PDB file of all heavy atoms in Angstrom:
ATOM      1  N   GLY A   1       0.839  -1.176  -0.029  1.00  0.00           N
ATOM      2  CA  GLY A   1       0.006  -0.017  -0.033  1.00  0.00           C
ATOM      3  C   GLY A   1       0.935   1.243   0.013  1.00  0.00           C
ATOM      4  O   GLY A   1       2.094   1.195   0.218  1.00  0.00           O
ATOM      5  N   LEU A   2       0.206   2.348  -0.233  1.00  0.00           N
ATOM      6  CA  LEU A   2       0.872   3.613  -0.228  1.00  0.00           C
ATOM      7  C   LEU A   2       0.777   4.276   1.042  1.00  0.00           C
ATOM      8  O   LEU A   2      -0.387   4.467   1.571  1.00  0.00           O
ATOM      9  CB  LEU A   2       0.266   4.488  -1.341  1.00  0.00           C
ATOM     10  CG  LEU A   2       0.876   5.817  -1.673  1.00  0.00           C
ATOM     11  CD1 LEU A   2       2.319   5.678  -2.091  1.00  0.00           C
ATOM     12  CD2 LEU A   2       0.159   6.475  -2.826  1.00  0.00           C
ATOM     13  N   GLU A   3       1.822   4.651   1.769  1.00  0.00           N
ATOM     14  CA  GLU A   3       1.809   5.248   3.018  1.00  0.00           C
ATOM     15  C   GLU A   3       1.509   6.712   2.977  1.00  0.00           C
ATOM     16  O   GLU A   3       2.102   7.435   2.190  1.00  0.00           O
ATOM     17  CB  GLU A   3       3.155   5.027   3.780  1.00  0.00           C
ATOM     18  CG  GLU A   3       3.532   3.611   3.963  1.00  0.00           C
ATOM     19  CD  GLU A   3       2.608   2.828   4.876  1.00  0.00           C
ATOM     20  OE1 GLU A   3       2.242   3.376   5.904  1.00  0.00           O
ATOM     21  OE2 GLU A   3       2.291   1.660   4.546  1.00  0.00           O
ATOM     22  N   ARG A   4       0.572   7.236   3.747  1.00  0.00           N
ATOM     23  CA  ARG A   4       0.185   8.615   3.913  1.00  0.00           C
ATOM     24  C   ARG A   4       0.041   9.378   2.574  1.00  0.00           C
ATOM     25  O   ARG A   4       0.734  10.327   2.317  1.00  0.00           O
ATOM     26  CB  ARG A   4       1.113   9.308   4.879  1.00  0.00           C
ATOM     27  CG  ARG A   4       1.147   8.616   6.264  1.00  0.00           C
ATOM     28  CD  ARG A   4       1.710   9.438   7.436  1.00  0.00           C
ATOM     29  NE  ARG A   4       1.349  10.778   7.484  1.00  0.00           N
ATOM     30  CZ  ARG A   4       0.229  11.289   8.018  1.00  0.00           C
ATOM     31  NH1 ARG A   4      -0.723  10.514   8.436  1.00  0.00           N
ATOM     32  NH2 ARG A   4      -0.012  12.612   7.988  1.00  0.00           N
ATOM     33  N   PRO A   5      -0.788   8.948   1.702  1.00  0.00           N
ATOM     34  CA  PRO A   5      -0.967   9.534   0.370  1.00  0.00           C
ATOM     35  C   PRO A   5      -1.656  10.915   0.451  1.00  0.00           C
ATOM     36  O   PRO A   5      -2.491  11.172   1.363  1.00  0.00           O
ATOM     37  CB  PRO A   5      -1.778   8.573  -0.384  1.00  0.00           C
ATOM     38  CG  PRO A   5      -2.699   7.918   0.660  1.00  0.00           C
ATOM     39  CD  PRO A   5      -1.812   7.813   1.857  1.00  0.00           C
ATOM     40  N   CYS A   6      -1.376  11.774  -0.436  1.00  0.00           N
ATOM     41  CA  CYS A   6      -2.010  13.080  -0.574  1.00  0.00           C
ATOM     42  C   CYS A   6      -2.631  13.212  -1.967  1.00  0.00           C
ATOM     43  O   CYS A   6      -1.893  13.199  -2.912  1.00  0.00           O
ATOM     44  CB  CYS A   6      -1.026  14.200  -0.330  1.00  0.00           C
ATOM     45  SG  CYS A   6      -1.683  15.883  -0.391  1.00  0.00           S
ATOM     46  N   LEU A   7      -3.912  13.504  -1.936  1.00  0.00           N
ATOM     47  CA  LEU A   7      -4.602  13.668  -3.232  1.00  0.00           C
ATOM     48  C   LEU A   7      -4.857  15.105  -3.462  1.00  0.00           C
ATOM     49  O   LEU A   7      -5.286  15.834  -2.453  1.00  0.00           O
ATOM     50  CB  LEU A   7      -5.885  12.875  -3.222  1.00  0.00           C
ATOM     51  CG  LEU A   7      -6.743  13.005  -4.512  1.00  0.00           C
ATOM     52  CD1 LEU A   7      -6.036  12.322  -5.595  1.00  0.00           C
ATOM     53  CD2 LEU A   7      -8.047  12.325  -4.308  1.00  0.00           C
ATOM     54  N   GLY A   8      -4.619  15.583  -4.618  1.00  0.00           N
ATOM     55  CA  GLY A   8      -4.866  17.071  -4.880  1.00  0.00           C
ATOM     56  C   GLY A   8      -5.508  17.271  -6.209  1.00  0.00           C
ATOM     57  O   GLY A   8      -5.501  16.413  -7.146  1.00  0.00           O
ATOM     58  N   PHE A   9      -6.235  18.469  -6.295  1.00  0.00           N
ATOM     59  CA  PHE A   9      -6.916  18.822  -7.506  1.00  0.00           C
ATOM     60  C   PHE A   9      -6.520  20.231  -7.954  1.00  0.00           C
ATOM     61  O   PHE A   9      -6.222  21.039  -7.040  1.00  0.00           O
ATOM     62  CB  PHE A   9      -8.416  18.846  -7.249  1.00  0.00           C
ATOM     63  CG  PHE A   9      -9.004  17.566  -6.953  1.00  0.00           C
ATOM     64  CD1 PHE A   9      -9.273  17.201  -5.570  1.00  0.00           C
ATOM     65  CD2 PHE A   9      -9.307  16.574  -7.870  1.00  0.00           C
ATOM     66  CE1 PHE A   9      -9.849  16.022  -5.267  1.00  0.00           C
ATOM     67  CE2 PHE A   9      -9.857  15.332  -7.548  1.00  0.00           C
ATOM     68  CZ  PHE A   9     -10.123  15.131  -6.266  1.00  0.00           C
ATOM     69  N   VAL A  10      -6.433  20.478  -9.259  1.00  0.00           N
ATOM     70  CA  VAL A  10      -6.093  21.809  -9.767  1.00  0.00           C
ATOM     71  C   VAL A  10      -7.130  22.056 -10.892  1.00  0.00           C
ATOM     72  O   VAL A  10      -7.413  21.235 -11.680  1.00  0.00           O
ATOM     73  CB  VAL A  10      -4.629  21.763 -10.365  1.00  0.00           C
ATOM     74  CG1 VAL A  10      -4.381  23.163 -10.974  1.00  0.00           C
ATOM     75  CG2 VAL A  10      -3.618  21.398  -9.297  1.00  0.00           C
ATOM     76  N   LEU A  11      -7.647  23.311 -10.856  1.00  0.00           N
ATOM     77  CA  LEU A  11      -8.542  23.743 -11.886  1.00  0.00           C
ATOM     78  C   LEU A  11      -7.928  24.872 -12.628  1.00  0.00           C
ATOM     79  O   LEU A  11      -7.483  25.878 -12.019  1.00  0.00           O
ATOM     80  CB  LEU A  11      -9.903  24.214 -11.217  1.00  0.00           C
ATOM     81  CG  LEU A  11     -11.004  24.655 -12.169  1.00  0.00           C
ATOM     82  CD1 LEU A  11     -11.443  23.463 -13.064  1.00  0.00           C
ATOM     83  CD2 LEU A  11     -12.221  25.193 -11.332  1.00  0.00           C
ATOM     84  N   HIS A  12      -7.832  24.702 -13.981  1.00  0.00           N
ATOM     85  CA  HIS A  12      -7.353  25.782 -14.897  1.00  0.00           C
ATOM     86  C   HIS A  12      -8.381  26.131 -15.941  1.00  0.00           C
ATOM     87  O   HIS A  12      -9.153  25.357 -16.362  1.00  0.00           O
ATOM     88  CB  HIS A  12      -6.110  25.266 -15.690  1.00  0.00           C
ATOM     89  CG  HIS A  12      -4.844  25.139 -14.960  1.00  0.00           C
ATOM     90  ND1 HIS A  12      -4.460  24.022 -14.322  1.00  0.00           N
ATOM     91  CD2 HIS A  12      -3.913  26.134 -14.734  1.00  0.00           C
ATOM     92  CE1 HIS A  12      -3.347  24.192 -13.714  1.00  0.00           C
ATOM     93  NE2 HIS A  12      -2.921  25.444 -13.896  1.00  0.00           N
ATOM     94  N   ARG A  13      -8.379  27.401 -16.261  1.00  0.00           N
ATOM     95  CA  ARG A  13      -9.164  27.859 -17.444  1.00  0.00           C
ATOM     96  C   ARG A  13      -8.405  27.303 -18.653  1.00  0.00           C
ATOM     97  O   ARG A  13      -7.187  27.088 -18.655  1.00  0.00           O
ATOM     98  CB  ARG A  13      -9.180  29.388 -17.405  1.00  0.00           C
ATOM     99  CG  ARG A  13     -10.353  29.969 -18.202  1.00  0.00           C
ATOM    100  CD  ARG A  13     -10.614  31.377 -17.974  1.00  0.00           C
ATOM    101  NE  ARG A  13      -9.360  32.131 -18.200  1.00  0.00           N
ATOM    102  CZ  ARG A  13      -9.241  33.492 -17.900  1.00  0.00           C
ATOM    103  NH1 ARG A  13     -10.219  34.083 -17.197  1.00  0.00           N
ATOM    104  NH2 ARG A  13      -8.117  34.125 -18.129  1.00  0.00           N
ATOM    105  N   LEU A  14      -9.068  27.151 -19.786  1.00  0.00           N
ATOM    106  CA  LEU A  14      -8.507  26.640 -21.013  1.00  0.00           C
ATOM    107  C   LEU A  14      -7.238  27.396 -21.481  1.00  0.00           C
ATOM    108  O   LEU A  14      -6.274  26.796 -22.004  1.00  0.00           O
ATOM    109  CB  LEU A  14      -9.512  26.616 -22.168  1.00  0.00           C
ATOM    110  CG  LEU A  14      -9.138  25.827 -23.397  1.00  0.00           C
ATOM    111  CD1 LEU A  14      -8.857  24.399 -23.116  1.00  0.00           C
ATOM    112  CD2 LEU A  14     -10.158  25.952 -24.400  1.00  0.00           C
ATOM    113  N   ASP A  15      -7.168  28.686 -21.192  1.00  0.00           N
ATOM    114  CA  ASP A  15      -6.049  29.503 -21.605  1.00  0.00           C
ATOM    115  C   ASP A  15      -4.783  29.261 -20.665  1.00  0.00           C
ATOM    116  O   ASP A  15      -3.883  30.001 -20.816  1.00  0.00           O
ATOM    117  CB  ASP A  15      -6.396  30.951 -21.807  1.00  0.00           C
ATOM    118  CG  ASP A  15      -6.895  31.655 -20.548  1.00  0.00           C
ATOM    119  OD1 ASP A  15      -6.884  31.023 -19.459  1.00  0.00           O
ATOM    120  OD2 ASP A  15      -7.256  32.777 -20.595  1.00  0.00           O
ATOM    121  N   GLY A  16      -4.965  28.455 -19.671  1.00  0.00           N
ATOM    122  CA  GLY A  16      -3.890  28.201 -18.737  1.00  0.00           C
ATOM    123  C   GLY A  16      -3.982  28.934 -17.436  1.00  0.00           C
ATOM    124  O   GLY A  16      -3.086  28.640 -16.532  1.00  0.00           O
ATOM    125  N   VAL A  17      -4.835  29.829 -17.232  1.00  0.00           N
ATOM    126  CA  VAL A  17      -4.947  30.596 -16.011  1.00  0.00           C
ATOM    127  C   VAL A  17      -5.405  29.698 -14.823  1.00  0.00           C
ATOM    128  O   VAL A  17      -6.400  28.952 -15.006  1.00  0.00           O
ATOM    129  CB  VAL A  17      -5.927  31.803 -16.154  1.00  0.00           C
ATOM    130  CG1 VAL A  17      -6.280  32.446 -14.808  1.00  0.00           C
ATOM    131  CG2 VAL A  17      -5.461  32.733 -17.096  1.00  0.00           C
ATOM    132  N   LEU A  18      -4.590  29.667 -13.790  1.00  0.00           N
ATOM    133  CA  LEU A  18      -4.957  28.838 -12.628  1.00  0.00           C
ATOM    134  C   LEU A  18      -6.119  29.516 -11.926  1.00  0.00           C
ATOM    135  O   LEU A  18      -6.139  30.634 -11.534  1.00  0.00           O
ATOM    136  CB  LEU A  18      -3.720  28.806 -11.674  1.00  0.00           C
ATOM    137  CG  LEU A  18      -3.959  28.153 -10.260  1.00  0.00           C
ATOM    138  CD1 LEU A  18      -4.257  26.626 -10.522  1.00  0.00           C
ATOM    139  CD2 LEU A  18      -2.809  28.270  -9.464  1.00  0.00           C
ATOM    140  N   VAL A  19      -7.167  28.615 -11.697  1.00  0.00           N
ATOM    141  CA  VAL A  19      -8.309  29.078 -10.948  1.00  0.00           C
ATOM    142  C   VAL A  19      -8.163  28.727  -9.498  1.00  0.00           C
ATOM    143  O   VAL A  19      -8.271  29.640  -8.645  1.00  0.00           O
ATOM    144  CB  VAL A  19      -9.642  28.441 -11.452  1.00  0.00           C
ATOM    145  CG1 VAL A  19     -10.878  28.756 -10.658  1.00  0.00           C
ATOM    146  CG2 VAL A  19      -9.828  28.774 -12.887  1.00  0.00           C
ATOM    147  N   THR A  20      -7.856  27.537  -9.211  1.00  0.00           N
ATOM    148  CA  THR A  20      -7.619  27.068  -7.745  1.00  0.00           C
ATOM    149  C   THR A  20      -6.936  25.809  -7.755  1.00  0.00           C
ATOM    150  O   THR A  20      -6.962  25.003  -8.667  1.00  0.00           O
ATOM    151  CB  THR A  20      -9.017  27.080  -6.939  1.00  0.00           C
ATOM    152  OG1 THR A  20      -8.696  26.874  -5.603  1.00  0.00           O
ATOM    153  CG2 THR A  20      -9.847  25.964  -7.520  1.00  0.00           C
ATOM    154  N   GLY A  21      -6.382  25.487  -6.582  1.00  0.00           N
ATOM    155  CA  GLY A  21      -5.780  24.161  -6.308  1.00  0.00           C
ATOM    156  C   GLY A  21      -6.024  23.848  -4.900  1.00  0.00           C
ATOM    157  O   GLY A  21      -5.939  24.687  -3.996  1.00  0.00           O
ATOM    158  N   VAL A  22      -6.225  22.579  -4.559  1.00  0.00           N
ATOM    159  CA  VAL A  22      -6.460  22.139  -3.201  1.00  0.00           C
ATOM    160  C   VAL A  22      -5.924  20.772  -3.069  1.00  0.00           C
ATOM    161  O   VAL A  22      -5.906  19.956  -4.066  1.00  0.00           O
ATOM    162  CB  VAL A  22      -8.011  22.201  -2.864  1.00  0.00           C
ATOM    163  CG1 VAL A  22      -8.800  21.213  -3.650  1.00  0.00           C
ATOM    164  CG2 VAL A  22      -8.197  21.953  -1.358  1.00  0.00           C
ATOM    165  N   ASN A  23      -5.412  20.453  -1.786  1.00  0.00           N
ATOM    166  CA  ASN A  23      -4.933  19.033  -1.648  1.00  0.00           C
ATOM    167  C   ASN A  23      -5.342  18.554  -0.208  1.00  0.00           C
ATOM    168  O   ASN A  23      -5.711  19.412   0.664  1.00  0.00           O
ATOM    169  CB  ASN A  23      -3.477  18.882  -1.852  1.00  0.00           C
ATOM    170  CG  ASN A  23      -2.621  19.654  -0.930  1.00  0.00           C
ATOM    171  OD1 ASN A  23      -2.732  19.481   0.273  1.00  0.00           O
ATOM    172  ND2 ASN A  23      -1.712  20.449  -1.459  1.00  0.00           N
ATOM    173  N   ALA A  24      -5.257  17.289  -0.025  1.00  0.00           N
ATOM    174  CA  ALA A  24      -5.672  16.745   1.228  1.00  0.00           C
ATOM    175  C   ALA A  24      -4.798  17.124   2.407  1.00  0.00           C
ATOM    176  O   ALA A  24      -5.202  17.229   3.520  1.00  0.00           O
ATOM    177  CB  ALA A  24      -5.598  15.181   1.144  1.00  0.00           C
ATOM    178  N   ARG A  25      -3.491  17.501   2.105  1.00  0.00           N
ATOM    179  CA  ARG A  25      -2.643  17.898   3.175  1.00  0.00           C
ATOM    180  C   ARG A  25      -3.122  19.265   3.780  1.00  0.00           C
ATOM    181  O   ARG A  25      -3.189  19.449   4.924  1.00  0.00           O
ATOM    182  CB  ARG A  25      -1.264  18.045   2.645  1.00  0.00           C
ATOM    183  CG  ARG A  25      -0.260  18.448   3.652  1.00  0.00           C
ATOM    184  CD  ARG A  25       1.159  18.542   3.072  1.00  0.00           C
ATOM    185  NE  ARG A  25       2.116  18.845   4.155  1.00  0.00           N
ATOM    186  CZ  ARG A  25       3.234  19.431   3.859  1.00  0.00           C
ATOM    187  NH1 ARG A  25       3.687  19.634   2.716  1.00  0.00           N
ATOM    188  NH2 ARG A  25       4.070  19.795   4.904  1.00  0.00           N
ATOM    189  N   GLU A  26      -3.499  20.180   2.888  1.00  0.00           N
ATOM    190  CA  GLU A  26      -3.985  21.448   3.346  1.00  0.00           C
ATOM    191  C   GLU A  26      -5.303  21.312   4.130  1.00  0.00           C
ATOM    192  O   GLU A  26      -5.589  22.047   5.064  1.00  0.00           O
ATOM    193  CB  GLU A  26      -4.283  22.335   2.145  1.00  0.00           C
ATOM    194  CG  GLU A  26      -3.098  22.785   1.357  1.00  0.00           C
ATOM    195  CD  GLU A  26      -3.371  23.439   0.115  1.00  0.00           C
ATOM    196  OE1 GLU A  26      -4.483  23.324  -0.456  1.00  0.00           O
ATOM    197  OE2 GLU A  26      -2.432  24.072  -0.470  1.00  0.00           O
ATOM    198  N   GLN A  27      -6.133  20.269   3.794  1.00  0.00           N
ATOM    199  CA  GLN A  27      -7.365  20.043   4.431  1.00  0.00           C
ATOM    200  C   GLN A  27      -7.167  19.113   5.681  1.00  0.00           C
ATOM    201  O   GLN A  27      -8.222  18.867   6.344  1.00  0.00           O
ATOM    202  CB  GLN A  27      -8.368  19.401   3.524  1.00  0.00           C
ATOM    203  CG  GLN A  27      -8.637  20.236   2.261  1.00  0.00           C
ATOM    204  CD  GLN A  27      -9.128  21.590   2.541  1.00  0.00           C
ATOM    205  OE1 GLN A  27     -10.089  21.769   3.332  1.00  0.00           O
ATOM    206  NE2 GLN A  27      -8.615  22.655   1.933  1.00  0.00           N
ATOM    207  N   LYS A  28      -6.019  18.661   5.871  1.00  0.00           N
ATOM    208  CA  LYS A  28      -5.621  17.752   7.081  1.00  0.00           C
ATOM    209  C   LYS A  28      -6.469  16.479   7.056  1.00  0.00           C
ATOM    210  O   LYS A  28      -7.043  16.043   8.107  1.00  0.00           O
ATOM    211  CB  LYS A  28      -5.821  18.526   8.351  1.00  0.00           C
ATOM    212  CG  LYS A  28      -4.858  19.656   8.494  1.00  0.00           C
ATOM    213  CD  LYS A  28      -5.109  20.491   9.779  1.00  0.00           C
ATOM    214  CE  LYS A  28      -4.174  21.622   9.941  1.00  0.00           C
ATOM    215  NZ  LYS A  28      -3.948  22.515   8.828  1.00  0.00           N
ATOM    216  N   VAL A  29      -6.619  15.734   5.889  1.00  0.00           N
ATOM    217  CA  VAL A  29      -7.318  14.577   5.728  1.00  0.00           C
ATOM    218  C   VAL A  29      -6.462  13.527   5.037  1.00  0.00           C
ATOM    219  O   VAL A  29      -6.950  12.813   4.108  1.00  0.00           O
ATOM    220  CB  VAL A  29      -8.676  14.820   4.960  1.00  0.00           C
ATOM    221  CG1 VAL A  29      -9.625  15.541   5.832  1.00  0.00           C
ATOM    222  CG2 VAL A  29      -8.492  15.457   3.609  1.00  0.00           C
ATOM    223  N   ILE A  30      -5.250  13.333   5.380  1.00  0.00           N
ATOM    224  CA  ILE A  30      -4.359  12.278   4.849  1.00  0.00           C
ATOM    225  C   ILE A  30      -4.575  11.002   5.551  1.00  0.00           C
ATOM    226  O   ILE A  30      -4.342  10.930   6.758  1.00  0.00           O
ATOM    227  CB  ILE A  30      -2.943  12.733   4.863  1.00  0.00           C
ATOM    228  CG1 ILE A  30      -2.686  13.986   3.947  1.00  0.00           C
ATOM    229  CG2 ILE A  30      -2.040  11.607   4.384  1.00  0.00           C
ATOM    230  CD1 ILE A  30      -1.319  14.474   3.907  1.00  0.00           C
ATOM    231  N   PRO A  31      -4.973   9.921   4.817  1.00  0.00           N
ATOM    232  CA  PRO A  31      -5.128   8.662   5.457  1.00  0.00           C
ATOM    233  C   PRO A  31      -3.699   8.026   5.781  1.00  0.00           C
ATOM    234  O   PRO A  31      -2.671   8.399   5.189  1.00  0.00           O
ATOM    235  CB  PRO A  31      -5.839   7.799   4.394  1.00  0.00           C
ATOM    236  CG  PRO A  31      -5.507   8.417   3.073  1.00  0.00           C
ATOM    237  CD  PRO A  31      -5.294   9.916   3.448  1.00  0.00           C
ATOM    238  N   GLU A  32      -3.703   7.043   6.659  1.00  0.00           N
ATOM    239  CA  GLU A  32      -2.433   6.392   7.040  1.00  0.00           C
ATOM    240  C   GLU A  32      -1.904   5.552   5.825  1.00  0.00           C
ATOM    241  O   GLU A  32      -0.650   5.604   5.626  1.00  0.00           O
ATOM    242  CB  GLU A  32      -2.627   5.487   8.256  1.00  0.00           C
ATOM    243  CG  GLU A  32      -2.709   6.319   9.595  1.00  0.00           C
ATOM    244  CD  GLU A  32      -1.557   7.221   9.847  1.00  0.00           C
ATOM    245  OE1 GLU A  32      -0.401   6.812   9.654  1.00  0.00           O
ATOM    246  OE2 GLU A  32      -1.760   8.422  10.165  1.00  0.00           O
TER     247      GLU A  32
END
């Protein structure tokens, strides 16, 4: 298994502009 994985998402506009990014580490929800 994978120890303490972090899942993240990034949303970009089609022209490449970053809208937002979030990950499990920032949200403090990393499983063992």
